Amino acid sequence: MTLAAVAQPDNCPTCGQALKQALGLRIDAAARVLISGDRAICLTKHEQGVLGLLLKRFGHCVEPDDLITAAYDLDEPANGRKSVHGFIFGLRLKLAGTGLEIVTHKSFGYALVHSRPKVTPT
């Protein structure tokens, strides 16, 4: 399913399934906007594909090759793996304060999870 085929804002832009309401997120696929509470976060086409797959597999590790496919469909560039690292970096910044974060599973991939509480030393 292409991103353009997803018309409902409460659906995953990759698979078209309803997003988990517990996450408190909505995606307006047509406008490429992630809505978290009262905050609208603009996404690039490639970020939307990567985030859509991470949402679909919430809490599970996603391999970089799968993220490359989600980001580029069929026109994958030669430096796709490097690009995915850039998309993850950008998404991490954009997800700050939403209650979600992208964690790295070294040598395996990335997972979207609920943010861990910050512990400050006393």
PDB file of N, CA and C in Angstrom:
ATOM      1  N   MET A   1       0.845  -1.179   0.000  1.00  0.00           N
ATOM      2  CA  MET A   1       0.000   0.000   0.000  1.00  0.00           C
ATOM      3  C   MET A   1       0.886   1.235   0.000  1.00  0.00           C
ATOM      4  N   THR A   2       0.591   2.166  -0.852  1.00  0.00           N
ATOM      5  CA  THR A   2       1.386   3.391  -0.910  1.00  0.00           C
ATOM      6  C   THR A   2       0.878   4.382   0.127  1.00  0.00           C
ATOM      7  N   LEU A   3       1.709   5.366   0.450  1.00  0.00           N
ATOM      8  CA  LEU A   3       1.323   6.374   1.426  1.00  0.00           C
ATOM      9  C   LEU A   3       0.115   7.159   0.951  1.00  0.00           C
ATOM     10  N   ALA A   4       0.006   7.405  -0.323  1.00  0.00           N
ATOM     11  CA  ALA A   4      -1.105   8.188  -0.847  1.00  0.00           C
ATOM     12  C   ALA A   4      -2.437   7.451  -0.692  1.00  0.00           C
ATOM     13  N   ALA A   5      -2.393   6.132  -0.582  1.00  0.00           N
ATOM     14  CA  ALA A   5      -3.619   5.350  -0.481  1.00  0.00           C
ATOM     15  C   ALA A   5      -4.239   5.441   0.909  1.00  0.00           C
ATOM     16  N   VAL A   6      -3.505   5.923   1.885  1.00  0.00           N
ATOM     17  CA  VAL A   6      -4.019   6.018   3.245  1.00  0.00           C
ATOM     18  C   VAL A   6      -4.656   7.388   3.417  1.00  0.00           C
ATOM     19  N   ALA A   7      -5.979   7.406   3.517  1.00  0.00           N
ATOM     20  CA  ALA A   7      -6.672   8.680   3.598  1.00  0.00           C
ATOM     21  C   ALA A   7      -7.092   9.039   5.020  1.00  0.00           C
ATOM     22  N   GLN A   8      -7.276   8.063   5.861  1.00  0.00           N
ATOM     23  CA  GLN A   8      -7.752   8.339   7.209  1.00  0.00           C
ATOM     24  C   GLN A   8      -6.584   8.710   8.112  1.00  0.00           C
ATOM     25  N   PRO A   9      -6.713   9.821   8.875  1.00  0.00           N
ATOM     26  CA  PRO A   9      -5.597  10.294   9.682  1.00  0.00           C
ATOM     27  C   PRO A   9      -5.245   9.390  10.860  1.00  0.00           C
ATOM     28  N   ASP A  10      -6.113   8.463  11.241  1.00  0.00           N
ATOM     29  CA  ASP A  10      -5.818   7.593  12.366  1.00  0.00           C
ATOM     30  C   ASP A  10      -5.203   6.270  11.942  1.00  0.00           C
ATOM     31  N   ASN A  11      -4.758   6.183  10.688  1.00  0.00           N
ATOM     32  CA  ASN A  11      -4.186   4.943  10.182  1.00  0.00           C
ATOM     33  C   ASN A  11      -2.687   5.058   9.985  1.00  0.00           C
ATOM     34  N   CYS A  12      -2.032   3.923  10.080  1.00  0.00           N
ATOM     35  CA  CYS A  12      -0.599   3.848   9.819  1.00  0.00           C
ATOM     36  C   CYS A  12      -0.372   4.151   8.335  1.00  0.00           C
ATOM     37  N   PRO A  13       0.602   5.023   8.020  1.00  0.00           N
ATOM     38  CA  PRO A  13       0.824   5.355   6.615  1.00  0.00           C
ATOM     39  C   PRO A  13       1.418   4.216   5.802  1.00  0.00           C
ATOM     40  N   THR A  14       1.951   3.202   6.464  1.00  0.00           N
ATOM     41  CA  THR A  14       2.560   2.091   5.754  1.00  0.00           C
ATOM     42  C   THR A  14       1.575   0.961   5.508  1.00  0.00           C
ATOM     43  N   CYS A  15       0.874   0.537   6.583  1.00  0.00           N
ATOM     44  CA  CYS A  15       0.019  -0.639   6.446  1.00  0.00           C
ATOM     45  C   CYS A  15      -1.464  -0.319   6.382  1.00  0.00           C
ATOM     46  N   GLY A  16      -1.864   0.910   6.769  1.00  0.00           N
ATOM     47  CA  GLY A  16      -3.266   1.289   6.728  1.00  0.00           C
ATOM     48  C   GLY A  16      -4.064   0.868   7.940  1.00  0.00           C
ATOM     49  N   GLN A  17      -3.439   0.141   8.887  1.00  0.00           N
ATOM     50  CA  GLN A  17      -4.150  -0.288  10.083  1.00  0.00           C
ATOM     51  C   GLN A  17      -4.305   0.879  11.048  1.00  0.00           C
ATOM     52  N   ALA A  18      -5.336   0.805  11.892  1.00  0.00           N
ATOM     53  CA  ALA A  18      -5.561   1.859  12.882  1.00  0.00           C
ATOM     54  C   ALA A  18      -4.395   1.897  13.864  1.00  0.00           C
ATOM     55  N   LEU A  19      -3.949   3.124  14.164  1.00  0.00           N
ATOM     56  CA  LEU A  19      -2.878   3.272  15.145  1.00  0.00           C
ATOM     57  C   LEU A  19      -3.412   2.965  16.526  1.00  0.00           C
ATOM     58  N   LYS A  20      -2.551   2.502  17.397  1.00  0.00           N
ATOM     59  CA  LYS A  20      -2.939   2.226  18.767  1.00  0.00           C
ATOM     60  C   LYS A  20      -3.268   3.546  19.453  1.00  0.00           C
ATOM     61  N   GLN A  21      -4.485   3.673  19.933  1.00  0.00           N
ATOM     62  CA  GLN A  21      -4.901   4.916  20.569  1.00  0.00           C
ATOM     63  C   GLN A  21      -4.135   5.166  21.857  1.00  0.00           C
ATOM     64  N   ALA A  22      -3.624   4.133  22.471  1.00  0.00           N
ATOM     65  CA  ALA A  22      -2.865   4.297  23.707  1.00  0.00           C
ATOM     66  C   ALA A  22      -1.603   5.127  23.484  1.00  0.00           C
ATOM     67  N   LEU A  23      -1.120   5.172  22.264  1.00  0.00           N
ATOM     68  CA  LEU A  23       0.075   5.947  21.971  1.00  0.00           C
ATOM     69  C   LEU A  23      -0.228   7.437  21.940  1.00  0.00           C
ATOM     70  N   GLY A  24      -1.486   7.795  21.803  1.00  0.00           N
ATOM     71  CA  GLY A  24      -1.854   9.207  21.756  1.00  0.00           C
ATOM     72  C   GLY A  24      -1.370   9.911  20.505  1.00  0.00           C
ATOM     73  N   LEU A  25      -1.191   9.169  19.430  1.00  0.00           N
ATOM     74  CA  LEU A  25      -0.681   9.732  18.184  1.00  0.00           C
ATOM     75  C   LEU A  25      -1.676   9.534  17.059  1.00  0.00           C
ATOM     76  N   ARG A  26      -1.646  10.464  16.121  1.00  0.00           N
ATOM     77  CA  ARG A  26      -2.377  10.315  14.874  1.00  0.00           C
ATOM     78  C   ARG A  26      -1.447  10.767  13.765  1.00  0.00           C
ATOM     79  N   ILE A  27      -1.626  10.192  12.593  1.00  0.00           N
ATOM     80  CA  ILE A  27      -0.849  10.624  11.435  1.00  0.00           C
ATOM     81  C   ILE A  27      -1.805  11.089  10.357  1.00  0.00           C
ATOM     82  N   ASP A  28      -1.591  12.301   9.896  1.00  0.00           N
ATOM     83  CA  ASP A  28      -2.314  12.802   8.736  1.00  0.00           C
ATOM     84  C   ASP A  28      -1.401  12.498   7.551  1.00  0.00           C
ATOM     85  N   ALA A  29      -1.682  11.384   6.876  1.00  0.00           N
ATOM     86  CA  ALA A  29      -0.802  10.900   5.812  1.00  0.00           C
ATOM     87  C   ALA A  29      -0.734  11.868   4.640  1.00  0.00           C
ATOM     88  N   ALA A  30      -1.854  12.489   4.310  1.00  0.00           N
ATOM     89  CA  ALA A  30      -1.866  13.397   3.167  1.00  0.00           C
ATOM     90  C   ALA A  30      -0.986  14.619   3.416  1.00  0.00           C
ATOM     91  N   ALA A  31      -0.999  15.121   4.643  1.00  0.00           N
ATOM     92  CA  ALA A  31      -0.205  16.313   4.982  1.00  0.00           C
ATOM     93  C   ALA A  31       1.170  15.954   5.532  1.00  0.00           C
ATOM     94  N   ARG A  32       1.423  14.658   5.731  1.00  0.00           N
ATOM     95  CA  ARG A  32       2.679  14.180   6.333  1.00  0.00           C
ATOM     96  C   ARG A  32       2.931  14.852   7.680  1.00  0.00           C
ATOM     97  N   VAL A  33       1.924  14.766   8.559  1.00  0.00           N
ATOM     98  CA  VAL A  33       2.017  15.382   9.875  1.00  0.00           C
ATOM     99  C   VAL A  33       1.696  14.337  10.936  1.00  0.00           C
ATOM    100  N   LEU A  34       2.555  14.266  11.953  1.00  0.00           N
ATOM    101  CA  LEU A  34       2.327  13.435  13.130  1.00  0.00           C
ATOM    102  C   LEU A  34       1.714  14.347  14.181  1.00  0.00           C
ATOM    103  N   ILE A  35       0.577  13.940  14.733  1.00  0.00           N
ATOM    104  CA  ILE A  35      -0.112  14.759  15.732  1.00  0.00           C
ATOM    105  C   ILE A  35       0.015  14.063  17.077  1.00  0.00           C
ATOM    106  N   SER A  36       0.633  14.765  18.017  1.00  0.00           N
ATOM    107  CA  SER A  36       0.834  14.267  19.372  1.00  0.00           C
ATOM    108  C   SER A  36       0.259  15.296  20.325  1.00  0.00           C
ATOM    109  N   GLY A  37      -0.910  14.990  20.884  1.00  0.00           N
ATOM    110  CA  GLY A  37      -1.579  15.963  21.741  1.00  0.00           C
ATOM    111  C   GLY A  37      -1.955  17.184  20.934  1.00  0.00           C
ATOM    112  N   ASP A  38      -1.469  18.346  21.354  1.00  0.00           N
ATOM    113  CA  ASP A  38      -1.760  19.577  20.612  1.00  0.00           C
ATOM    114  C   ASP A  38      -0.595  19.994  19.717  1.00  0.00           C
ATOM    115  N   ARG A  39       0.337  19.093  19.518  1.00  0.00           N
ATOM    116  CA  ARG A  39       1.544  19.382  18.745  1.00  0.00           C
ATOM    117  C   ARG A  39       1.490  18.695  17.383  1.00  0.00           C
ATOM    118  N   ALA A  40       1.758  19.451  16.319  1.00  0.00           N
ATOM    119  CA  ALA A  40       1.831  18.902  14.965  1.00  0.00           C
ATOM    120  C   ALA A  40       3.293  18.854  14.542  1.00  0.00           C
ATOM    121  N   ILE A  41       3.741  17.677  14.140  1.00  0.00           N
ATOM    122  CA  ILE A  41       5.141  17.463  13.780  1.00  0.00           C
ATOM    123  C   ILE A  41       5.207  17.099  12.296  1.00  0.00           C
ATOM    124  N   CYS A  42       5.839  17.961  11.503  1.00  0.00           N
ATOM    125  CA  CYS A  42       5.962  17.714  10.066  1.00  0.00           C
ATOM    126  C   CYS A  42       6.980  16.606   9.803  1.00  0.00           C
ATOM    127  N   LEU A  43       6.649  15.721   8.881  1.00  0.00           N
ATOM    128  CA  LEU A  43       7.519  14.614   8.507  1.00  0.00           C
ATOM    129  C   LEU A  43       7.851  14.701   7.025  1.00  0.00           C
ATOM    130  N   THR A  44       9.051  14.281   6.669  1.00  0.00           N
ATOM    131  CA  THR A  44       9.369  14.127   5.256  1.00  0.00           C
ATOM    132  C   THR A  44       8.729  12.832   4.767  1.00  0.00           C
ATOM    133  N   LYS A  45       8.674  12.658   3.465  1.00  0.00           N
ATOM    134  CA  LYS A  45       8.115  11.434   2.879  1.00  0.00           C
ATOM    135  C   LYS A  45       8.846  10.204   3.422  1.00  0.00           C
ATOM    136  N   HIS A  46      10.175  10.285   3.488  1.00  0.00           N
ATOM    137  CA  HIS A  46      10.965   9.137   3.932  1.00  0.00           C
ATOM    138  C   HIS A  46      10.807   8.898   5.432  1.00  0.00           C
ATOM    139  N   GLU A  47      10.764   9.965   6.220  1.00  0.00           N
ATOM    140  CA  GLU A  47      10.542   9.813   7.664  1.00  0.00           C
ATOM    141  C   GLU A  47       9.185   9.169   7.929  1.00  0.00           C
ATOM    142  N   GLN A  48       8.192   9.551   7.145  1.00  0.00           N
ATOM    143  CA  GLN A  48       6.859   8.988   7.325  1.00  0.00           C
ATOM    144  C   GLN A  48       6.867   7.477   7.066  1.00  0.00           C
ATOM    145  N   GLY A  49       7.583   7.050   6.045  1.00  0.00           N
ATOM    146  CA  GLY A  49       7.686   5.617   5.764  1.00  0.00           C
ATOM    147  C   GLY A  49       8.380   4.865   6.871  1.00  0.00           C
ATOM    148  N   VAL A  50       9.490   5.429   7.372  1.00  0.00           N
ATOM    149  CA  VAL A  50      10.243   4.791   8.463  1.00  0.00           C
ATOM    150  C   VAL A  50       9.393   4.741   9.727  1.00  0.00           C
ATOM    151  N   LEU A  51       8.770   5.870  10.091  1.00  0.00           N
ATOM    152  CA  LEU A  51       7.960   5.911  11.301  1.00  0.00           C
ATOM    153  C   LEU A  51       6.748   4.984  11.185  1.00  0.00           C
ATOM    154  N   GLY A  52       6.157   4.915  10.005  1.00  0.00           N
ATOM    155  CA  GLY A  52       5.021   4.018   9.803  1.00  0.00           C
ATOM    156  C   GLY A  52       5.374   2.573  10.093  1.00  0.00           C
ATOM    157  N   LEU A  53       6.536   2.132   9.621  1.00  0.00           N
ATOM    158  CA  LEU A  53       6.955   0.749   9.878  1.00  0.00           C
ATOM    159  C   LEU A  53       7.289   0.551  11.352  1.00  0.00           C
ATOM    160  N   LEU A  54       7.942   1.523  11.970  1.00  0.00           N
ATOM    161  CA  LEU A  54       8.253   1.413  13.403  1.00  0.00           C
ATOM    162  C   LEU A  54       6.970   1.364  14.238  1.00  0.00           C
ATOM    163  N   LEU A  55       5.948   2.131  13.848  1.00  0.00           N
ATOM    164  CA  LEU A  55       4.664   2.090  14.549  1.00  0.00           C
ATOM    165  C   LEU A  55       3.993   0.732  14.368  1.00  0.00           C
ATOM    166  N   LYS A  56       4.049   0.214  13.148  1.00  0.00           N
ATOM    167  CA  LYS A  56       3.431  -1.083  12.860  1.00  0.00           C
ATOM    168  C   LYS A  56       4.055  -2.183  13.710  1.00  0.00           C
ATOM    169  N   ARG A  57       5.352  -2.075  13.933  1.00  0.00           N
ATOM    170  CA  ARG A  57       6.073  -3.098  14.714  1.00  0.00           C
ATOM    171  C   ARG A  57       6.466  -2.555  16.084  1.00  0.00           C
ATOM    172  N   PHE A  58       5.604  -1.740  16.660  1.00  0.00           N
ATOM    173  CA  PHE A  58       5.879  -1.064  17.924  1.00  0.00           C
ATOM    174  C   PHE A  58       6.442  -2.037  18.961  1.00  0.00           C
ATOM    175  N   GLY A  59       7.581  -1.638  19.564  1.00  0.00           N
ATOM    176  CA  GLY A  59       8.204  -2.440  20.608  1.00  0.00           C
ATOM    177  C   GLY A  59       9.105  -3.551  20.104  1.00  0.00           C
ATOM    178  N   HIS A  60       9.146  -3.750  18.800  1.00  0.00           N
ATOM    179  CA  HIS A  60       9.957  -4.818  18.217  1.00  0.00           C
ATOM    180  C   HIS A  60      11.075  -4.226  17.368  1.00  0.00           C
ATOM    181  N   CYS A  61      12.183  -4.925  17.299  1.00  0.00           N
ATOM    182  CA  CYS A  61      13.330  -4.477  16.519  1.00  0.00           C
ATOM    183  C   CYS A  61      13.029  -4.607  15.028  1.00  0.00           C
ATOM    184  N   VAL A  62      13.337  -3.542  14.295  1.00  0.00           N
ATOM    185  CA  VAL A  62      13.142  -3.524  12.838  1.00  0.00           C
ATOM    186  C   VAL A  62      14.515  -3.381  12.189  1.00  0.00           C
ATOM    187  N   GLU A  63      14.827  -4.270  11.267  1.00  0.00           N
ATOM    188  CA  GLU A  63      16.127  -4.259  10.606  1.00  0.00           C
ATOM    189  C   GLU A  63      16.255  -3.063   9.659  1.00  0.00           C
ATOM    190  N   PRO A  64      17.469  -2.529   9.525  1.00  0.00           N
ATOM    191  CA  PRO A  64      17.685  -1.391   8.622  1.00  0.00           C
ATOM    192  C   PRO A  64      17.208  -1.633   7.193  1.00  0.00           C
ATOM    193  N   ASP A  65      17.387  -2.843   6.676  1.00  0.00           N
ATOM    194  CA  ASP A  65      16.944  -3.123   5.304  1.00  0.00           C
ATOM    195  C   ASP A  65      15.430  -2.957   5.152  1.00  0.00           C
ATOM    196  N   ASP A  66      14.678  -3.335   6.179  1.00  0.00           N
ATOM    197  CA  ASP A  66      13.226  -3.152   6.137  1.00  0.00           C
ATOM    198  C   ASP A  66      12.872  -1.666   6.185  1.00  0.00           C
ATOM    199  N   LEU A  67      13.636  -0.895   6.963  1.00  0.00           N
ATOM    200  CA  LEU A  67      13.402   0.546   7.041  1.00  0.00           C
ATOM    201  C   LEU A  67      13.746   1.235   5.723  1.00  0.00           C
ATOM    202  N   ILE A  68      14.778   0.747   5.053  1.00  0.00           N
ATOM    203  CA  ILE A  68      15.145   1.286   3.735  1.00  0.00           C
ATOM    204  C   ILE A  68      13.994   1.069   2.752  1.00  0.00           C
ATOM    205  N   THR A  69      13.447  -0.129   2.756  1.00  0.00           N
ATOM    206  CA  THR A  69      12.321  -0.441   1.875  1.00  0.00           C
ATOM    207  C   THR A  69      11.122   0.445   2.194  1.00  0.00           C
ATOM    208  N   ALA A  70      10.846   0.659   3.491  1.00  0.00           N
ATOM    209  CA  ALA A  70       9.717   1.509   3.893  1.00  0.00           C
ATOM    210  C   ALA A  70       9.937   2.958   3.481  1.00  0.00           C
ATOM    211  N   ALA A  71      11.177   3.408   3.533  1.00  0.00           N
ATOM    212  CA  ALA A  71      11.483   4.804   3.212  1.00  0.00           C
ATOM    213  C   ALA A  71      11.468   5.071   1.710  1.00  0.00           C
ATOM    214  N   TYR A  72      11.920   4.108   0.927  1.00  0.00           N
ATOM    215  CA  TYR A  72      12.146   4.367  -0.497  1.00  0.00           C
ATOM    216  C   TYR A  72      11.276   3.580  -1.460  1.00  0.00           C
ATOM    217  N   ASP A  73      10.468   2.680  -0.997  1.00  0.00           N
ATOM    218  CA  ASP A  73       9.699   1.811  -1.888  1.00  0.00           C
ATOM    219  C   ASP A  73      10.666   1.113  -2.844  1.00  0.00           C
ATOM    220  N   LEU A  74      10.600   1.414  -4.135  1.00  0.00           N
ATOM    221  CA  LEU A  74      11.427   0.697  -5.113  1.00  0.00           C
ATOM    222  C   LEU A  74      12.676   1.452  -5.548  1.00  0.00           C
ATOM    223  N   ASP A  75      12.748   2.766  -5.296  1.00  0.00           N
ATOM    224  CA  ASP A  75      13.915   3.512  -5.758  1.00  0.00           C
ATOM    225  C   ASP A  75      14.930   3.739  -4.644  1.00  0.00           C
ATOM    226  N   GLU A  76      15.422   2.641  -4.108  1.00  0.00           N
ATOM    227  CA  GLU A  76      16.399   2.694  -3.019  1.00  0.00           C
ATOM    228  C   GLU A  76      17.750   3.190  -3.536  1.00  0.00           C
ATOM    229  N   PRO A  77      18.315   4.196  -2.869  1.00  0.00           N
ATOM    230  CA  PRO A  77      19.624   4.694  -3.296  1.00  0.00           C
ATOM    231  C   PRO A  77      20.743   3.776  -2.820  1.00  0.00           C
ATOM    232  N   ALA A  78      21.905   3.953  -3.400  1.00  0.00           N
ATOM    233  CA  ALA A  78      23.056   3.131  -3.020  1.00  0.00           C
ATOM    234  C   ALA A  78      23.441   3.337  -1.561  1.00  0.00           C
ATOM    235  N   ASN A  79      23.211   4.534  -1.037  1.00  0.00           N
ATOM    236  CA  ASN A  79      23.586   4.814   0.347  1.00  0.00           C
ATOM    237  C   ASN A  79      22.368   4.746   1.282  1.00  0.00           C
ATOM    238  N   GLY A  80      21.459   3.821   1.009  1.00  0.00           N
ATOM    239  CA  GLY A  80      20.218   3.694   1.770  1.00  0.00           C
ATOM    240  C   GLY A  80      20.414   3.494   3.259  1.00  0.00           C
ATOM    241  N   ARG A  81      21.394   2.687   3.641  1.00  0.00           N
ATOM    242  CA  ARG A  81      21.634   2.410   5.058  1.00  0.00           C
ATOM    243  C   ARG A  81      22.054   3.691   5.784  1.00  0.00           C
ATOM    244  N   LYS A  82      22.917   4.463   5.151  1.00  0.00           N
ATOM    245  CA  LYS A  82      23.359   5.729   5.751  1.00  0.00           C
ATOM    246  C   LYS A  82      22.181   6.694   5.860  1.00  0.00           C
ATOM    247  N   SER A  83      21.325   6.699   4.853  1.00  0.00           N
ATOM    248  CA  SER A  83      20.152   7.563   4.877  1.00  0.00           C
ATOM    249  C   SER A  83      19.221   7.204   6.025  1.00  0.00           C
ATOM    250  N   VAL A  84      19.039   5.908   6.267  1.00  0.00           N
ATOM    251  CA  VAL A  84      18.162   5.477   7.361  1.00  0.00           C
ATOM    252  C   VAL A  84      18.676   6.008   8.692  1.00  0.00           C
ATOM    253  N   HIS A  85      19.993   5.987   8.886  1.00  0.00           N
ATOM    254  CA  HIS A  85      20.550   6.533  10.130  1.00  0.00           C
ATOM    255  C   HIS A  85      20.176   8.010  10.265  1.00  0.00           C
ATOM    256  N   GLY A  86      20.200   8.746   9.157  1.00  0.00           N
ATOM    257  CA  GLY A  86      19.817  10.150   9.163  1.00  0.00           C
ATOM    258  C   GLY A  86      18.335  10.334   9.478  1.00  0.00           C
ATOM    259  N   PHE A  87      17.480   9.475   8.919  1.00  0.00           N
ATOM    260  CA  PHE A  87      16.045   9.564   9.195  1.00  0.00           C
ATOM    261  C   PHE A  87      15.767   9.271  10.666  1.00  0.00           C
ATOM    262  N   ILE A  88      16.460   8.285  11.215  1.00  0.00           N
ATOM    263  CA  ILE A  88      16.285   7.934  12.633  1.00  0.00           C
ATOM    264  C   ILE A  88      16.709   9.112  13.503  1.00  0.00           C
ATOM    265  N   PHE A  89      17.836   9.734  13.168  1.00  0.00           N
ATOM    266  CA  PHE A  89      18.309  10.896  13.923  1.00  0.00           C
ATOM    267  C   PHE A  89      17.244  11.995  13.931  1.00  0.00           C
ATOM    268  N   GLY A  90      16.714  12.310  12.758  1.00  0.00           N
ATOM    269  CA  GLY A  90      15.691  13.346  12.648  1.00  0.00           C
ATOM    270  C   GLY A  90      14.421  12.993  13.401  1.00  0.00           C
ATOM    271  N   LEU A  91      13.997  11.730  13.293  1.00  0.00           N
ATOM    272  CA  LEU A  91      12.789  11.296  13.997  1.00  0.00           C
ATOM    273  C   LEU A  91      12.975  11.343  15.510  1.00  0.00           C
ATOM    274  N   ARG A  92      14.162  11.004  15.977  1.00  0.00           N
ATOM    275  CA  ARG A  92      14.407  11.075  17.420  1.00  0.00           C
ATOM    276  C   ARG A  92      14.212  12.505  17.930  1.00  0.00           C
ATOM    277  N   LEU A  93      14.712  13.467  17.179  1.00  0.00           N
ATOM    278  CA  LEU A  93      14.540  14.869  17.573  1.00  0.00           C
ATOM    279  C   LEU A  93      13.060  15.257  17.549  1.00  0.00           C
ATOM    280  N   LYS A  94      12.361  14.835  16.521  1.00  0.00           N
ATOM    281  CA  LYS A  94      10.960  15.201  16.373  1.00  0.00           C
ATOM    282  C   LYS A  94      10.060  14.508  17.396  1.00  0.00           C
ATOM    283  N   LEU A  95      10.443  13.321  17.850  1.00  0.00           N
ATOM    284  CA  LEU A  95       9.631  12.577  18.815  1.00  0.00           C
ATOM    285  C   LEU A  95       9.860  13.014  20.258  1.00  0.00           C
ATOM    286  N   ALA A  96      10.848  13.861  20.489  1.00  0.00           N
ATOM    287  CA  ALA A  96      11.137  14.328  21.855  1.00  0.00           C
ATOM    288  C   ALA A  96       9.879  14.971  22.441  1.00  0.00           C
ATOM    289  N   GLY A  97       9.509  14.538  23.623  1.00  0.00           N
ATOM    290  CA  GLY A  97       8.346  15.091  24.302  1.00  0.00           C
ATOM    291  C   GLY A  97       7.026  14.427  23.961  1.00  0.00           C
ATOM    292  N   THR A  98       7.038  13.413  23.085  1.00  0.00           N
ATOM    293  CA  THR A  98       5.792  12.729  22.718  1.00  0.00           C
ATOM    294  C   THR A  98       5.521  11.511  23.591  1.00  0.00           C
ATOM    295  N   GLY A  99       6.497  11.116  24.406  1.00  0.00           N
ATOM    296  CA  GLY A  99       6.342   9.900  25.199  1.00  0.00           C
ATOM    297  C   GLY A  99       6.848   8.670  24.480  1.00  0.00           C
ATOM    298  N   LEU A 100       7.421   8.877  23.298  1.00  0.00           N
ATOM    299  CA  LEU A 100       7.978   7.774  22.516  1.00  0.00           C
ATOM    300  C   LEU A 100       9.426   8.074  22.185  1.00  0.00           C
ATOM    301  N   GLU A 101      10.194   7.023  21.977  1.00  0.00           N
ATOM    302  CA  GLU A 101      11.573   7.186  21.541  1.00  0.00           C
ATOM    303  C   GLU A 101      11.965   6.005  20.667  1.00  0.00           C
ATOM    304  N   ILE A 102      12.983   6.226  19.863  1.00  0.00           N
ATOM    305  CA  ILE A 102      13.539   5.166  19.029  1.00  0.00           C
ATOM    306  C   ILE A 102      14.825   4.707  19.673  1.00  0.00           C
ATOM    307  N   VAL A 103      14.882   3.413  19.985  1.00  0.00           N
ATOM    308  CA  VAL A 103      16.084   2.856  20.598  1.00  0.00           C
ATOM    309  C   VAL A 103      16.840   2.040  19.564  1.00  0.00           C
ATOM    310  N   THR A 104      18.147   1.991  19.727  1.00  0.00           N
ATOM    311  CA  THR A 104      19.017   1.234  18.829  1.00  0.00           C
ATOM    312  C   THR A 104      19.312  -0.124  19.436  1.00  0.00           C
ATOM    313  N   HIS A 105      19.141  -1.159  18.653  1.00  0.00           N
ATOM    314  CA  HIS A 105      19.582  -2.502  19.023  1.00  0.00           C
ATOM    315  C   HIS A 105      20.827  -2.744  18.187  1.00  0.00           C
ATOM    316  N   LYS A 106      21.971  -2.488  18.788  1.00  0.00           N
ATOM    317  CA  LYS A 106      23.244  -2.500  18.070  1.00  0.00           C
ATOM    318  C   LYS A 106      23.383  -3.743  17.196  1.00  0.00           C
ATOM    319  N   SER A 107      23.742  -3.525  15.961  1.00  0.00           N
ATOM    320  CA  SER A 107      23.954  -4.561  14.941  1.00  0.00           C
ATOM    321  C   SER A 107      22.659  -5.241  14.494  1.00  0.00           C
ATOM    322  N   PHE A 108      21.498  -4.823  15.018  1.00  0.00           N
ATOM    323  CA  PHE A 108      20.244  -5.463  14.626  1.00  0.00           C
ATOM    324  C   PHE A 108      19.250  -4.500  14.006  1.00  0.00           C
ATOM    325  N   GLY A 109      19.096  -3.306  14.577  1.00  0.00           N
ATOM    326  CA  GLY A 109      18.116  -2.374  14.037  1.00  0.00           C
ATOM    327  C   GLY A 109      17.608  -1.404  15.075  1.00  0.00           C
ATOM    328  N   TYR A 110      16.356  -0.989  14.897  1.00  0.00           N
ATOM    329  CA  TYR A 110      15.757   0.045  15.737  1.00  0.00           C
ATOM    330  C   TYR A 110      14.372  -0.391  16.172  1.00  0.00           C
ATOM    331  N   ALA A 111      13.931   0.153  17.328  1.00  0.00           N
ATOM    332  CA  ALA A 111      12.577  -0.109  17.808  1.00  0.00           C
ATOM    333  C   ALA A 111      11.976   1.174  18.355  1.00  0.00           C
ATOM    334  N   LEU A 112      10.696   1.360  18.116  1.00  0.00           N
ATOM    335  CA  LEU A 112       9.952   2.472  18.693  1.00  0.00           C
ATOM    336  C   LEU A 112       9.332   1.962  19.987  1.00  0.00           C
ATOM    337  N   VAL A 113       9.582   2.662  21.080  1.00  0.00           N
ATOM    338  CA  VAL A 113       9.107   2.237  22.401  1.00  0.00           C
ATOM    339  C   VAL A 113       8.606   3.455  23.177  1.00  0.00           C
ATOM    340  N   HIS A 114       7.927   3.185  24.292  1.00  0.00           N
ATOM    341  CA  HIS A 114       7.559   4.267  25.202  1.00  0.00           C
ATOM    342  C   HIS A 114       8.837   4.817  25.818  1.00  0.00           C
ATOM    343  N   SER A 115       8.892   6.123  25.983  1.00  0.00           N
ATOM    344  CA  SER A 115      10.078   6.759  26.568  1.00  0.00           C
ATOM    345  C   SER A 115      10.292   6.260  27.992  1.00  0.00           C
ATOM    346  N   ARG A 116      11.554   6.093  28.325  1.00  0.00           N
ATOM    347  CA  ARG A 116      11.897   5.718  29.692  1.00  0.00           C
ATOM    348  C   ARG A 116      11.942   6.983  30.530  1.00  0.00           C
ATOM    349  N   PRO A 117      11.487   6.889  31.773  1.00  0.00           N
ATOM    350  CA  PRO A 117      11.550   8.077  32.621  1.00  0.00           C
ATOM    351  C   PRO A 117      13.000   8.480  32.860  1.00  0.00           C
ATOM    352  N   LYS A 118      13.241   9.768  32.851  1.00  0.00           N
ATOM    353  CA  LYS A 118      14.579  10.283  33.106  1.00  0.00           C
ATOM    354  C   LYS A 118      14.836  10.262  34.604  1.00  0.00           C
ATOM    355  N   VAL A 119      15.961   9.704  34.988  1.00  0.00           N
ATOM    356  CA  VAL A 119      16.320   9.636  36.398  1.00  0.00           C
ATOM    357  C   VAL A 119      17.399  10.674  36.650  1.00  0.00           C
ATOM    358  N   THR A 120      17.134  11.551  37.589  1.00  0.00           N
ATOM    359  CA  THR A 120      18.119  12.574  37.935  1.00  0.00           C
ATOM    360  C   THR A 120      18.717  12.223  39.281  1.00  0.00           C
ATOM    361  N   PRO A 121      20.032  12.315  39.398  1.00  0.00           N
ATOM    362  CA  PRO A 121      20.675  11.989  40.668  1.00  0.00           C
ATOM    363  C   PRO A 121      20.287  13.022  41.725  1.00  0.00           C
ATOM    364  N   THR A 122      20.152  12.541  42.935  1.00  0.00           N
ATOM    365  CA  THR A 122      19.814  13.462  44.046  1.00  0.00           C
ATOM    366  C   THR A 122      20.956  13.619  45.006  1.00  0.00           C
TER     367      THR A 122
END
